[in-house]
Amino acid sequence: MATLKVGSIGEYIREQRKQAKISVRQLAQAAGVSNPYLSQIERGLRKPSADILQQIAKGLRISAEALYVQAGILEDRDSDSDVRPAIVADPHISERQKQVLIDIYESFRKENAAHEGDDPRTTEDDQHETGDRT
């Protein structure tokens, strides 16, 4: 299991909370944790469990997976691609926008994986346009 990066996860949670424009108290209430405990997590004084990270993610309306990756609990499953880390690292888009982009990206990857072996230059739309239904 990967080592928990306590300081960085706290900083990450704080940054996401600030981007969401909610207070520590509001996030603590939404996540079902105490205000002092959340403050200690943000300052890197406490190690949040996976369950607590999930509750915080719910309060921030971001994916728990994003927090698990940031905390070092979960490996980024797209390590062969720089797309996901680039989206997550972009400070100019909101967490909601990041999650939507990641979801769209993942859906494209799944669709392409389902069609592996097909000619990548020929899409279903191309076939409809040309009338080719091979």
Protein backbone atom coordinates (compact mmCIF):
# COMPACT_ATOMS: atom_id res chain seq x y z
CA MET A 1 0.00 0.00 0.00
CA ALA A 2 1.28 3.49 -0.83
CA THR A 3 2.38 5.87 1.91
CA LEU A 4 -0.10 8.55 2.91
CA LYS A 5 1.13 12.03 2.00
CA VAL A 6 -0.48 13.80 4.94
CA GLY A 7 0.58 17.39 4.28
CA SER A 8 -0.21 17.29 0.59
CA ILE A 9 -3.68 15.79 1.05
CA GLY A 10 -4.52 18.45 3.61
CA GLU A 11 -3.31 21.20 1.32
CA TYR A 12 -5.25 19.65 -1.55
CA ILE A 13 -8.47 19.49 0.50
CA ARG A 14 -8.00 23.11 1.60
CA GLU A 15 -7.47 24.23 -2.00
CA GLN A 16 -10.57 22.36 -3.18
CA ARG A 17 -12.60 23.81 -0.33
CA LYS A 18 -11.45 27.35 -1.19
CA GLN A 19 -12.25 26.81 -4.88
CA ALA A 20 -15.71 25.64 -3.85
CA LYS A 21 -16.00 28.82 -1.73
CA ILE A 22 -17.09 27.01 1.42
CA SER A 23 -15.82 27.41 4.95
CA VAL A 24 -14.15 24.76 7.08
CA ARG A 25 -17.30 24.64 9.20
CA GLN A 26 -19.54 24.14 6.15
CA LEU A 27 -17.37 21.35 4.75
CA ALA A 28 -17.07 19.69 8.15
CA GLN A 29 -20.86 19.69 8.48
CA ALA A 30 -21.38 18.39 4.92
CA ALA A 31 -18.76 15.67 5.44
CA GLY A 32 -20.04 14.69 8.87
CA VAL A 33 -16.74 15.36 10.67
CA SER A 34 -15.89 17.84 13.39
CA ASN A 35 -14.63 21.29 12.52
CA PRO A 36 -11.39 20.88 14.54
CA TYR A 37 -10.68 17.48 12.96
CA LEU A 38 -11.08 18.85 9.41
CA SER A 39 -8.86 21.80 10.32
CA GLN A 40 -6.18 19.39 11.59
CA ILE A 41 -6.38 17.39 8.36
CA GLU A 42 -5.97 20.56 6.29
CA ARG A 43 -2.94 21.57 8.35
CA GLY A 44 -1.37 18.13 7.92
CA LEU A 45 -1.64 17.18 11.59
CA ARG A 46 -3.98 14.22 11.13
CA LYS A 47 -4.13 11.27 8.74
CA PRO A 48 -7.65 10.86 7.36
CA SER A 49 -8.88 7.31 6.75
CA ALA A 50 -10.29 6.26 3.39
CA ASP A 51 -13.79 6.55 4.88
CA ILE A 52 -13.15 10.12 6.04
CA LEU A 53 -11.69 11.00 2.63
CA GLN A 54 -14.85 9.63 1.01
CA GLN A 55 -17.02 11.78 3.28
CA ILE A 56 -14.89 14.86 2.54
CA ALA A 57 -15.09 14.15 -1.20
CA LYS A 58 -18.86 13.97 -0.90
CA GLY A 59 -18.88 17.31 0.93
CA LEU A 60 -16.69 18.86 -1.76
CA ARG A 61 -18.72 17.18 -4.53
CA ILE A 62 -15.61 15.65 -6.08
CA SER A 63 -14.73 12.04 -6.68
CA ALA A 64 -13.36 10.10 -3.73
CA GLU A 65 -10.90 8.57 -6.19
CA ALA A 66 -9.30 12.01 -6.70
CA LEU A 67 -8.67 12.27 -2.95
CA TYR A 68 -7.41 8.68 -2.72
CA VAL A 69 -4.91 9.33 -5.52
CA GLN A 70 -3.82 12.60 -3.92
CA ALA A 71 -3.43 10.86 -0.55
CA GLY A 72 -1.37 8.07 -2.07
CA ILE A 73 -3.93 5.44 -1.11
CA LEU A 74 -4.77 4.63 -4.71
CA GLU A 75 -2.51 4.59 -7.74
CA ASP A 76 -3.63 6.78 -10.61
CA ARG A 77 -5.00 4.16 -12.97
CA ASP A 78 -4.11 6.19 -16.05
CA SER A 79 -0.39 6.22 -15.37
CA ASP A 80 0.22 5.60 -19.07
CA SER A 81 -1.39 8.94 -19.89
CA ASP A 82 -0.68 12.50 -18.80
CA VAL A 83 -4.27 13.62 -19.40
CA ARG A 84 -5.79 12.89 -15.98
CA PRO A 85 -2.92 14.42 -13.93
CA ALA A 86 -2.99 17.49 -16.18
CA ILE A 87 -6.72 17.95 -15.61
CA VAL A 88 -6.43 17.44 -11.85
CA ALA A 89 -3.48 19.84 -11.61
CA ASP A 90 -5.12 22.67 -13.54
CA PRO A 91 -5.84 25.49 -11.06
CA HIS A 92 -8.06 27.38 -13.53
CA ILE A 93 -10.99 24.97 -13.58
CA SER A 94 -13.29 23.92 -10.78
CA GLU A 95 -13.41 20.43 -9.26
CA ARG A 96 -16.78 19.87 -10.90
CA GLN A 97 -15.33 20.82 -14.29
CA LYS A 98 -12.33 18.56 -13.67
CA GLN A 99 -14.58 15.63 -12.83
CA VAL A 100 -16.72 16.19 -15.93
CA LEU A 101 -13.61 16.30 -18.14
CA ILE A 102 -12.25 13.13 -16.54
CA ASP A 103 -15.62 11.38 -16.97
CA ILE A 104 -15.76 12.34 -20.65
CA TYR A 105 -12.16 11.26 -21.17
CA GLU A 106 -12.83 7.91 -19.47
CA SER A 107 -15.94 7.33 -21.60
CA PHE A 108 -13.90 7.92 -24.77
CA ARG A 109 -11.21 5.50 -23.54
CA LYS A 110 -13.81 2.82 -22.74
CA GLU A 111 -15.50 3.30 -26.11
CA ASN A 112 -12.17 3.03 -27.92
CA ALA A 113 -11.18 -0.04 -25.88
CA ALA A 114 -14.48 -1.68 -26.85
CA HIS A 115 -13.65 -1.08 -30.51
CA GLU A 116 -10.02 -2.21 -30.29
CA GLY A 117 -9.09 -4.04 -33.43
CA ASP A 118 -11.44 -1.90 -35.51
CA ASP A 119 -9.84 0.47 -38.01
CA PRO A 120 -9.33 3.60 -35.86
CA ARG A 121 -9.70 5.79 -38.95
CA THR A 122 -13.26 4.57 -39.52
CA THR A 123 -15.81 5.59 -36.94
CA GLU A 124 -19.47 4.70 -36.77
CA ASP A 125 -20.32 8.26 -37.87
CA ASP A 126 -18.12 7.86 -40.96
CA GLN A 127 -19.93 4.64 -41.81
CA HIS A 128 -23.33 6.36 -41.54
CA GLU A 129 -22.17 9.23 -43.75
CA THR A 130 -20.79 6.98 -46.48
CA GLY A 131 -23.43 4.29 -46.18
CA ASP A 132 -20.69 1.71 -45.53
CA ARG A 133 -21.95 -0.83 -43.01
CA THR A 134 -19.22 -3.44 -43.05
